[in-house]
Amino acid sequence: MAWYDCRTGKINILDESYRDEALAALTPFLTSEPDVTPAAAPRSLPAPPAAAAPSSSQDLATNEPGASLRRRIEEVEPSPLLRTLKRWFRLDAELRPWETGLQGERIAGKSLNRLRRDGWYVLHSVELPSGADIDHVAIGPPGVFTINTKHHRGSRIWLGDHAAMVNGQSTPYVRNSLFEAQRAARLLTHTCGFPVAVHPVLAVVGAATVTVRTAAPSVRLIDGTHAARELSGLSPVLTPPDIERIYAAAREGNTWLATSRKPDHT
């Protein structure tokens, strides 16, 4: 349809019927200075940081929703211009699952952040030594929750006793959500010095239908778009001092780095 020549600074239109769309996609990334090559700008930026374990001084409270996914996307394609062009011409098959996940985490994270008005603390993108991360950790009067967010717009979600299905296909969502909660409980208990119970939550964004076929699911299933509303009405079990102590441990990056503790059994 169109392409941009980094050497000459010219936009070459291959199909005039797409001129307006191509210019709209490329214009935000161009500069008015003729001696600057627009596509070279991303190369002058420092390389995205490697997915290293957070240092003990890292305050996880500064993490934005989807921060880990955003970092992975930038590692695969550092250039914002090329990411936009790939999306425009549907050449983003490698990035699309991560970008879909990022959008879902941002939607759920935005809702969860509203809990802060009611005495909750919320963390996002809590990285683990394996390179995986816990999408969100919410700490408030009803307890501690690890939230595993999945973006499935227009899909049919089914939850049973020990499994979740998307459009009839089995997924590891329940197993993974349980593992995250068990790991978080173990690490927070170790750091706090008193037992910390953690409840697993599966937050689905954009589903067309949700069916729960169990009276007592092992994982709480919620609508990620309204995550705050679904968690805020739960009965309180933690005192304000306990909430503060747990949050102080959870926001410290070093809390989540342990790898030698007794392994989880799932």
C-alpha atoms as a PDB file:
ATOM      1  CA  MET A   1       0.000   0.000   0.000  1.00  0.00           C
ATOM      2  CA  ALA A   2       2.763   2.429   1.033  1.00  0.00           C
ATOM      3  CA  TRP A   3       6.283   2.503   2.408  1.00  0.00           C
ATOM      4  CA  TYR A   4       8.613   5.036   3.937  1.00  0.00           C
ATOM      5  CA  ASP A   5      12.169   5.545   2.607  1.00  0.00           C
ATOM      6  CA  CYS A   6      14.426   6.255   5.573  1.00  0.00           C
ATOM      7  CA  ARG A   7      17.250   7.571   3.319  1.00  0.00           C
ATOM      8  CA  THR A   8      15.301  10.108   1.280  1.00  0.00           C
ATOM      9  CA  GLY A   9      12.582  10.928   3.771  1.00  0.00           C
ATOM     10  CA  LYS A  10       9.902  10.246   1.159  1.00  0.00           C
ATOM     11  CA  ILE A  11       6.651   8.357   1.564  1.00  0.00           C
ATOM     12  CA  ASN A  12       5.979   6.184  -1.475  1.00  0.00           C
ATOM     13  CA  ILE A  13       2.309   5.499  -2.177  1.00  0.00           C
ATOM     14  CA  LEU A  14       1.788   2.244  -4.092  1.00  0.00           C
ATOM     15  CA  ASP A  15      -1.994   2.402  -4.145  1.00  0.00           C
ATOM     16  CA  GLU A  16      -3.513   5.885  -4.340  1.00  0.00           C
ATOM     17  CA  SER A  17      -6.781   4.634  -2.888  1.00  0.00           C
ATOM     18  CA  TYR A  18      -4.968   4.164   0.437  1.00  0.00           C
ATOM     19  CA  ARG A  19      -3.142   7.525   0.396  1.00  0.00           C
ATOM     20  CA  ASP A  20      -5.103   9.108   3.266  1.00  0.00           C
ATOM     21  CA  GLU A  21      -4.865   6.023   5.468  1.00  0.00           C
ATOM     22  CA  ALA A  22      -1.123   5.600   4.864  1.00  0.00           C
ATOM     23  CA  LEU A  23      -0.400   9.252   5.627  1.00  0.00           C
ATOM     24  CA  ALA A  24      -2.525   9.091   8.762  1.00  0.00           C
ATOM     25  CA  ALA A  25      -0.560   6.081   9.975  1.00  0.00           C
ATOM     26  CA  LEU A  26       2.891   7.512   9.197  1.00  0.00           C
ATOM     27  CA  THR A  27       2.530  11.232   9.917  1.00  0.00           C
ATOM     28  CA  PRO A  28       2.679  11.019  13.750  1.00  0.00           C
ATOM     29  CA  PHE A  29       6.149   9.505  13.487  1.00  0.00           C
ATOM     30  CA  LEU A  30       7.699  11.981  11.018  1.00  0.00           C
ATOM     31  CA  THR A  31       9.764  15.067  11.797  1.00  0.00           C
ATOM     32  CA  SER A  32       9.715  18.397   9.958  1.00  0.00           C
ATOM     33  CA  GLU A  33      13.520  18.670   9.999  1.00  0.00           C
ATOM     34  CA  PRO A  34      14.863  17.515   6.607  1.00  0.00           C
ATOM     35  CA  ASP A  35      18.260  16.435   7.881  1.00  0.00           C
ATOM     36  CA  VAL A  36      16.798  13.945  10.332  1.00  0.00           C
ATOM     37  CA  THR A  37      15.897  10.427   9.212  1.00  0.00           C
ATOM     38  CA  PRO A  38      12.683   9.561  11.084  1.00  0.00           C
ATOM     39  CA  ALA A  39      13.256   5.817  11.211  1.00  0.00           C
ATOM     40  CA  ALA A  40      16.686   6.291  12.791  1.00  0.00           C
ATOM     41  CA  ALA A  41      15.248   7.804  15.968  1.00  0.00           C
ATOM     42  CA  PRO A  42      14.450   4.474  17.663  1.00  0.00           C
ATOM     43  CA  ARG A  43      18.050   3.300  17.122  1.00  0.00           C
ATOM     44  CA  SER A  44      19.364   6.246  19.144  1.00  0.00           C
ATOM     45  CA  LEU A  45      17.397   5.135  22.179  1.00  0.00           C
ATOM     46  CA  PRO A  46      18.933   2.737  24.693  1.00  0.00           C
ATOM     47  CA  ALA A  47      18.030  -0.890  24.218  1.00  0.00           C
ATOM     48  CA  PRO A  48      15.059  -2.060  26.289  1.00  0.00           C
ATOM     49  CA  PRO A  49      16.203  -3.517  29.608  1.00  0.00           C
ATOM     50  CA  ALA A  50      16.554  -7.266  29.823  1.00  0.00           C
ATOM     51  CA  ALA A  51      13.968  -9.099  31.889  1.00  0.00           C
ATOM     52  CA  ALA A  52      16.278  -9.241  34.889  1.00  0.00           C
ATOM     53  CA  ALA A  53      15.064  -9.991  38.387  1.00  0.00           C
ATOM     54  CA  PRO A  54      14.137  -6.788  40.234  1.00  0.00           C
ATOM     55  CA  SER A  55      16.672  -5.485  42.701  1.00  0.00           C
ATOM     56  CA  SER A  56      15.871  -5.377  46.398  1.00  0.00           C
ATOM     57  CA  SER A  57      15.439  -1.609  46.128  1.00  0.00           C
ATOM     58  CA  GLN A  58      12.763  -1.812  43.424  1.00  0.00           C
ATOM     59  CA  ASP A  59       9.393  -0.505  44.533  1.00  0.00           C
ATOM     60  CA  LEU A  60       6.777  -2.541  42.674  1.00  0.00           C
ATOM     61  CA  ALA A  61       4.176   0.099  43.498  1.00  0.00           C
ATOM     62  CA  THR A  62       5.502   2.106  40.537  1.00  0.00           C
ATOM     63  CA  ASN A  63       4.673  -0.633  37.999  1.00  0.00           C
ATOM     64  CA  GLU A  64       1.968   0.152  35.465  1.00  0.00           C
ATOM     65  CA  PRO A  65      -0.578  -2.494  34.402  1.00  0.00           C
ATOM     66  CA  GLY A  66       0.930  -4.671  31.689  1.00  0.00           C
ATOM     67  CA  ALA A  67       4.484  -3.417  32.269  1.00  0.00           C
ATOM     68  CA  SER A  68       6.030  -6.846  31.738  1.00  0.00           C
ATOM     69  CA  LEU A  69       4.141  -7.439  28.487  1.00  0.00           C
ATOM     70  CA  ARG A  70       5.024  -3.967  27.266  1.00  0.00           C
ATOM     71  CA  ARG A  71       8.693  -4.701  27.857  1.00  0.00           C
ATOM     72  CA  ARG A  72       8.494  -7.975  25.915  1.00  0.00           C
ATOM     73  CA  ILE A  73       6.790  -6.252  22.995  1.00  0.00           C
ATOM     74  CA  GLU A  74       9.545  -3.637  22.851  1.00  0.00           C
ATOM     75  CA  GLU A  75      12.207  -6.332  22.953  1.00  0.00           C
ATOM     76  CA  VAL A  76      10.690  -8.039  19.893  1.00  0.00           C
ATOM     77  CA  GLU A  77      10.191  -4.769  17.987  1.00  0.00           C
ATOM     78  CA  PRO A  78      11.778  -1.667  19.585  1.00  0.00           C
ATOM     79  CA  SER A  79      10.518   0.757  16.910  1.00  0.00           C
ATOM     80  CA  PRO A  80       7.070   2.283  17.565  1.00  0.00           C
ATOM     81  CA  LEU A  81       6.880   3.154  13.858  1.00  0.00           C
ATOM     82  CA  LEU A  82       7.433  -0.426  12.728  1.00  0.00           C
ATOM     83  CA  ARG A  83       4.960  -1.736  15.312  1.00  0.00           C
ATOM     84  CA  THR A  84       2.329   0.631  13.927  1.00  0.00           C
ATOM     85  CA  LEU A  85       3.060  -0.340  10.324  1.00  0.00           C
ATOM     86  CA  LYS A  86       2.898  -4.044  11.155  1.00  0.00           C
ATOM     87  CA  ARG A  87      -0.487  -3.562  12.788  1.00  0.00           C
ATOM     88  CA  TRP A  88      -1.685  -1.483   9.856  1.00  0.00           C
ATOM     89  CA  PHE A  89      -0.718  -4.067   7.235  1.00  0.00           C
ATOM     90  CA  ARG A  90      -1.592  -7.058   9.441  1.00  0.00           C
ATOM     91  CA  LEU A  91       1.997  -8.252   9.719  1.00  0.00           C
ATOM     92  CA  ASP A  92       1.918  -8.350  13.515  1.00  0.00           C
ATOM     93  CA  ALA A  93       1.194 -12.046  14.080  1.00  0.00           C
ATOM     94  CA  GLU A  94       4.130 -12.346  16.485  1.00  0.00           C
ATOM     95  CA  LEU A  95       3.154  -9.307  18.521  1.00  0.00           C
ATOM     96  CA  ARG A  96      -0.635  -9.598  18.388  1.00  0.00           C
ATOM     97  CA  PRO A  97      -1.124 -12.050  21.312  1.00  0.00           C
ATOM     98  CA  TRP A  98       1.040  -9.910  23.593  1.00  0.00           C
ATOM     99  CA  GLU A  99      -0.629  -6.673  22.514  1.00  0.00           C
ATOM    100  CA  THR A 100      -4.045  -8.234  23.105  1.00  0.00           C
ATOM    101  CA  GLY A 101      -2.899  -9.348  26.550  1.00  0.00           C
ATOM    102  CA  LEU A 102      -1.486  -5.901  27.269  1.00  0.00           C
ATOM    103  CA  GLN A 103      -4.807  -4.279  26.450  1.00  0.00           C
ATOM    104  CA  GLY A 104      -6.600  -6.706  28.753  1.00  0.00           C
ATOM    105  CA  GLU A 105      -4.219  -6.070  31.659  1.00  0.00           C
ATOM    106  CA  ARG A 106      -4.623  -2.335  31.249  1.00  0.00           C
ATOM    107  CA  ILE A 107      -8.417  -2.611  31.293  1.00  0.00           C
ATOM    108  CA  ALA A 108      -8.438  -4.797  34.408  1.00  0.00           C
ATOM    109  CA  GLY A 109      -5.692  -2.735  36.036  1.00  0.00           C
ATOM    110  CA  LYS A 110      -7.601   0.500  35.527  1.00  0.00           C
ATOM    111  CA  SER A 111     -10.600  -0.991  37.298  1.00  0.00           C
ATOM    112  CA  LEU A 112      -8.525  -2.486  40.117  1.00  0.00           C
ATOM    113  CA  ASN A 113      -6.841   0.859  40.760  1.00  0.00           C
ATOM    114  CA  ARG A 114     -10.223   2.242  41.833  1.00  0.00           C
ATOM    115  CA  LEU A 115     -10.014   0.010  44.905  1.00  0.00           C
ATOM    116  CA  ARG A 116      -7.343   2.342  46.292  1.00  0.00           C
ATOM    117  CA  ARG A 117     -10.062   4.812  47.220  1.00  0.00           C
ATOM    118  CA  ASP A 118     -11.431   2.224  49.661  1.00  0.00           C
ATOM    119  CA  GLY A 119      -8.266   1.365  51.563  1.00  0.00           C
ATOM    120  CA  TRP A 120      -6.849  -1.219  49.163  1.00  0.00           C
ATOM    121  CA  TYR A 121      -3.355  -1.486  47.718  1.00  0.00           C
ATOM    122  CA  VAL A 122      -2.860  -2.727  44.157  1.00  0.00           C
ATOM    123  CA  LEU A 123       0.344  -3.884  42.465  1.00  0.00           C
ATOM    124  CA  HIS A 124       0.823  -4.725  38.798  1.00  0.00           C
ATOM    125  CA  SER A 125       3.263  -6.892  36.817  1.00  0.00           C
ATOM    126  CA  VAL A 126       4.948  -8.569  39.774  1.00  0.00           C
ATOM    127  CA  GLU A 127       7.870 -10.351  38.128  1.00  0.00           C
ATOM    128  CA  LEU A 128       9.108 -13.745  39.278  1.00  0.00           C
ATOM    129  CA  PRO A 129      12.599 -15.255  38.838  1.00  0.00           C
ATOM    130  CA  SER A 130      11.325 -17.563  36.091  1.00  0.00           C
ATOM    131  CA  GLY A 131      10.547 -14.573  33.872  1.00  0.00           C
ATOM    132  CA  ALA A 132       6.801 -14.999  34.354  1.00  0.00           C
ATOM    133  CA  ASP A 133       4.792 -12.463  36.292  1.00  0.00           C
ATOM    134  CA  ILE A 134       1.646 -12.094  38.369  1.00  0.00           C
ATOM    135  CA  ASP A 135      -0.585  -9.672  36.479  1.00  0.00           C
ATOM    136  CA  HIS A 136      -2.026  -7.961  39.565  1.00  0.00           C
ATOM    137  CA  VAL A 137      -1.907  -8.310  43.353  1.00  0.00           C
ATOM    138  CA  ALA A 138      -4.709  -6.658  45.332  1.00  0.00           C
ATOM    139  CA  ILE A 139      -4.494  -6.247  49.118  1.00  0.00           C
ATOM    140  CA  GLY A 140      -7.477  -4.941  51.047  1.00  0.00           C
ATOM    141  CA  PRO A 141      -9.929  -5.599  53.885  1.00  0.00           C
ATOM    142  CA  PRO A 142     -11.292  -8.819  52.254  1.00  0.00           C
ATOM    143  CA  GLY A 143      -7.784 -10.276  51.958  1.00  0.00           C
ATOM    144  CA  VAL A 144      -5.001 -10.736  49.414  1.00  0.00           C
ATOM    145  CA  PHE A 145      -5.779 -11.645  45.800  1.00  0.00           C
ATOM    146  CA  THR A 146      -3.606 -12.593  42.847  1.00  0.00           C
ATOM    147  CA  ILE A 147      -5.388 -11.723  39.617  1.00  0.00           C
ATOM    148  CA  ASN A 148      -4.627 -13.548  36.374  1.00  0.00           C
ATOM    149  CA  THR A 149      -6.078 -11.471  33.516  1.00  0.00           C
ATOM    150  CA  LYS A 150      -7.125 -12.959  30.163  1.00  0.00           C
ATOM    151  CA  HIS A 151      -8.436 -10.947  27.225  1.00  0.00           C
ATOM    152  CA  HIS A 152     -10.927 -12.952  25.159  1.00  0.00           C
ATOM    153  CA  ARG A 153     -13.177 -10.523  23.344  1.00  0.00           C
ATOM    154  CA  GLY A 154     -16.340 -12.131  22.034  1.00  0.00           C
ATOM    155  CA  SER A 155     -15.465 -15.582  23.393  1.00  0.00           C
ATOM    156  CA  ARG A 156     -17.452 -18.118  25.407  1.00  0.00           C
ATOM    157  CA  ILE A 157     -15.902 -18.808  28.825  1.00  0.00           C
ATOM    158  CA  TRP A 158     -16.770 -21.908  30.857  1.00  0.00           C
ATOM    159  CA  LEU A 159     -15.505 -22.598  34.387  1.00  0.00           C
ATOM    160  CA  GLY A 160     -15.809 -25.952  36.127  1.00  0.00           C
ATOM    161  CA  ASP A 161     -14.396 -27.398  39.337  1.00  0.00           C
ATOM    162  CA  HIS A 162     -10.812 -27.604  38.138  1.00  0.00           C
ATOM    163  CA  ALA A 163     -10.715 -26.266  34.588  1.00  0.00           C
ATOM    164  CA  ALA A 164     -11.598 -23.313  32.397  1.00  0.00           C
ATOM    165  CA  MET A 165     -12.453 -23.488  28.702  1.00  0.00           C
ATOM    166  CA  VAL A 166     -12.491 -20.818  25.999  1.00  0.00           C
ATOM    167  CA  ASN A 167     -14.806 -21.546  23.077  1.00  0.00           C
ATOM    168  CA  GLY A 168     -14.783 -25.207  24.079  1.00  0.00           C
ATOM    169  CA  GLN A 169     -10.982 -25.459  24.265  1.00  0.00           C
ATOM    170  CA  SER A 170      -9.339 -26.404  27.560  1.00  0.00           C
ATOM    171  CA  THR A 171      -6.861 -23.916  29.055  1.00  0.00           C
ATOM    172  CA  PRO A 172      -4.345 -23.997  31.941  1.00  0.00           C
ATOM    173  CA  TYR A 173      -5.875 -20.858  33.468  1.00  0.00           C
ATOM    174  CA  VAL A 174      -7.165 -22.492  36.660  1.00  0.00           C
ATOM    175  CA  ARG A 175      -3.935 -24.382  37.318  1.00  0.00           C
ATOM    176  CA  ASN A 176      -1.805 -21.296  36.689  1.00  0.00           C
ATOM    177  CA  SER A 177      -4.014 -19.073  38.847  1.00  0.00           C
ATOM    178  CA  LEU A 178      -3.797 -21.543  41.732  1.00  0.00           C
ATOM    179  CA  PHE A 179      -0.028 -21.759  41.360  1.00  0.00           C
ATOM    180  CA  GLU A 180       0.334 -17.968  41.477  1.00  0.00           C
ATOM    181  CA  ALA A 181      -1.752 -17.701  44.645  1.00  0.00           C
ATOM    182  CA  GLN A 182       0.113 -20.543  46.361  1.00  0.00           C
ATOM    183  CA  ARG A 183       3.475 -19.042  45.506  1.00  0.00           C
ATOM    184  CA  ALA A 184       2.402 -15.590  46.670  1.00  0.00           C
ATOM    185  CA  ALA A 185       1.065 -16.994  49.954  1.00  0.00           C
ATOM    186  CA  ARG A 186       4.327 -18.805  50.637  1.00  0.00           C
ATOM    187  CA  LEU A 187       6.558 -15.823  49.867  1.00  0.00           C
ATOM    188  CA  LEU A 188       4.428 -13.268  51.705  1.00  0.00           C
ATOM    189  CA  THR A 189       4.135 -15.556  54.732  1.00  0.00           C
ATOM    190  CA  HIS A 190       7.915 -15.945  54.793  1.00  0.00           C
ATOM    191  CA  THR A 191       8.523 -12.185  54.585  1.00  0.00           C
ATOM    192  CA  CYS A 192       5.733 -11.060  56.925  1.00  0.00           C
ATOM    193  CA  GLY A 193       6.403 -13.679  59.600  1.00  0.00           C
ATOM    194  CA  PHE A 194       2.727 -14.607  59.956  1.00  0.00           C
ATOM    195  CA  PRO A 195       0.352 -16.671  57.778  1.00  0.00           C
ATOM    196  CA  VAL A 196      -0.888 -14.820  54.706  1.00  0.00           C
ATOM    197  CA  ALA A 197      -3.749 -16.431  52.790  1.00  0.00           C
ATOM    198  CA  VAL A 198      -3.912 -15.523  49.095  1.00  0.00           C
ATOM    199  CA  HIS A 199      -6.991 -16.048  46.928  1.00  0.00           C
ATOM    200  CA  PRO A 200      -6.665 -16.814  43.196  1.00  0.00           C
ATOM    201  CA  VAL A 201      -8.749 -14.772  40.774  1.00  0.00           C
ATOM    202  CA  LEU A 202      -9.228 -15.204  37.033  1.00  0.00           C
ATOM    203  CA  ALA A 203     -10.263 -11.891  35.446  1.00  0.00           C
ATOM    204  CA  VAL A 204     -11.679 -12.241  31.937  1.00  0.00           C
ATOM    205  CA  VAL A 205     -11.970  -9.168  29.721  1.00  0.00           C
ATOM    206  CA  GLY A 206     -14.366  -8.904  26.792  1.00  0.00           C
ATOM    207  CA  ALA A 207     -16.056 -12.313  26.952  1.00  0.00           C
ATOM    208  CA  ALA A 208     -19.415 -12.696  25.208  1.00  0.00           C
ATOM    209  CA  THR A 209     -20.714 -15.252  27.708  1.00  0.00           C
ATOM    210  CA  VAL A 210     -19.459 -16.654  31.010  1.00  0.00           C
ATOM    211  CA  THR A 211     -20.753 -19.925  32.451  1.00  0.00           C
ATOM    212  CA  VAL A 212     -19.797 -21.224  35.901  1.00  0.00           C
ATOM    213  CA  ARG A 213     -20.630 -24.912  36.426  1.00  0.00           C
ATOM    214  CA  THR A 214     -19.524 -25.340  40.023  1.00  0.00           C
ATOM    215  CA  ALA A 215     -20.922 -24.219  43.353  1.00  0.00           C
ATOM    216  CA  ALA A 216     -17.496 -23.691  44.935  1.00  0.00           C
ATOM    217  CA  PRO A 217     -14.886 -22.910  42.259  1.00  0.00           C
ATOM    218  CA  SER A 218     -11.242 -23.201  43.270  1.00  0.00           C
ATOM    219  CA  VAL A 219     -10.590 -19.925  41.439  1.00  0.00           C
ATOM    220  CA  ARG A 220     -12.837 -16.867  41.602  1.00  0.00           C
ATOM    221  CA  LEU A 221     -13.927 -15.828  38.083  1.00  0.00           C
ATOM    222  CA  ILE A 222     -14.688 -12.128  37.578  1.00  0.00           C
ATOM    223  CA  ASP A 223     -15.306  -9.657  34.778  1.00  0.00           C
ATOM    224  CA  GLY A 224     -11.997  -7.816  34.478  1.00  0.00           C
ATOM    225  CA  THR A 225     -13.703  -4.695  33.187  1.00  0.00           C
ATOM    226  CA  HIS A 226     -15.506  -4.383  36.537  1.00  0.00           C
ATOM    227  CA  ALA A 227     -12.856  -5.990  38.742  1.00  0.00           C
ATOM    228  CA  ALA A 228     -13.077  -3.371  41.485  1.00  0.00           C
ATOM    229  CA  ARG A 229     -16.830  -3.738  41.826  1.00  0.00           C
ATOM    230  CA  GLU A 230     -16.596  -7.533  42.032  1.00  0.00           C
ATOM    231  CA  LEU A 231     -13.951  -7.548  44.782  1.00  0.00           C
ATOM    232  CA  SER A 232     -15.004  -4.543  46.854  1.00  0.00           C
ATOM    233  CA  GLY A 233     -18.180  -6.168  48.165  1.00  0.00           C
ATOM    234  CA  LEU A 234     -16.440  -9.122  49.817  1.00  0.00           C
ATOM    235  CA  SER A 235     -16.495  -9.456  53.613  1.00  0.00           C
ATOM    236  CA  PRO A 236     -13.510  -7.928  55.460  1.00  0.00           C
ATOM    237  CA  VAL A 237     -11.058 -10.280  57.165  1.00  0.00           C
ATOM    238  CA  LEU A 238      -7.875  -8.193  57.518  1.00  0.00           C
ATOM    239  CA  THR A 239      -7.202  -5.386  59.976  1.00  0.00           C
ATOM    240  CA  PRO A 240      -5.631  -2.133  58.751  1.00  0.00           C
ATOM    241  CA  PRO A 241      -2.275  -2.960  60.442  1.00  0.00           C
ATOM    242  CA  ASP A 242      -2.195  -6.361  58.728  1.00  0.00           C
ATOM    243  CA  ILE A 243      -2.954  -4.752  55.370  1.00  0.00           C
ATOM    244  CA  GLU A 244      -0.074  -2.317  55.841  1.00  0.00           C
ATOM    245  CA  ARG A 245       2.385  -5.062  56.827  1.00  0.00           C
ATOM    246  CA  ILE A 246       1.429  -7.287  53.903  1.00  0.00           C
ATOM    247  CA  TYR A 247       1.626  -4.402  51.447  1.00  0.00           C
ATOM    248  CA  ALA A 248       5.050  -3.370  52.735  1.00  0.00           C
ATOM    249  CA  ALA A 249       6.286  -6.888  51.975  1.00  0.00           C
ATOM    250  CA  ALA A 250       4.485  -7.205  48.641  1.00  0.00           C
ATOM    251  CA  ARG A 251       5.749  -3.950  47.165  1.00  0.00           C
ATOM    252  CA  GLU A 252       9.384  -4.936  47.830  1.00  0.00           C
ATOM    253  CA  GLY A 253      10.838  -6.606  44.750  1.00  0.00           C
ATOM    254  CA  ASN A 254      13.133  -8.850  46.755  1.00  0.00           C
ATOM    255  CA  THR A 255      10.136 -10.583  48.347  1.00  0.00           C
ATOM    256  CA  TRP A 256       9.349 -12.317  45.055  1.00  0.00           C
ATOM    257  CA  LEU A 257      12.868 -13.470  44.162  1.00  0.00           C
ATOM    258  CA  ALA A 258      13.108 -16.607  46.301  1.00  0.00           C
ATOM    259  CA  THR A 259      13.617 -19.815  44.303  1.00  0.00           C
ATOM    260  CA  SER A 260      14.810 -22.252  46.953  1.00  0.00           C
ATOM    261  CA  ARG A 261      11.682 -22.511  49.040  1.00  0.00           C
ATOM    262  CA  LYS A 262       9.635 -25.712  49.176  1.00  0.00           C
ATOM    263  CA  PRO A 263       8.028 -26.138  45.729  1.00  0.00           C
ATOM    264  CA  ASP A 264       4.317 -25.809  45.155  1.00  0.00           C
ATOM    265  CA  HIS A 265       2.214 -28.923  44.661  1.00  0.00           C
ATOM    266  CA  THR A 266      -0.543 -28.403  42.084  1.00  0.00           C
END
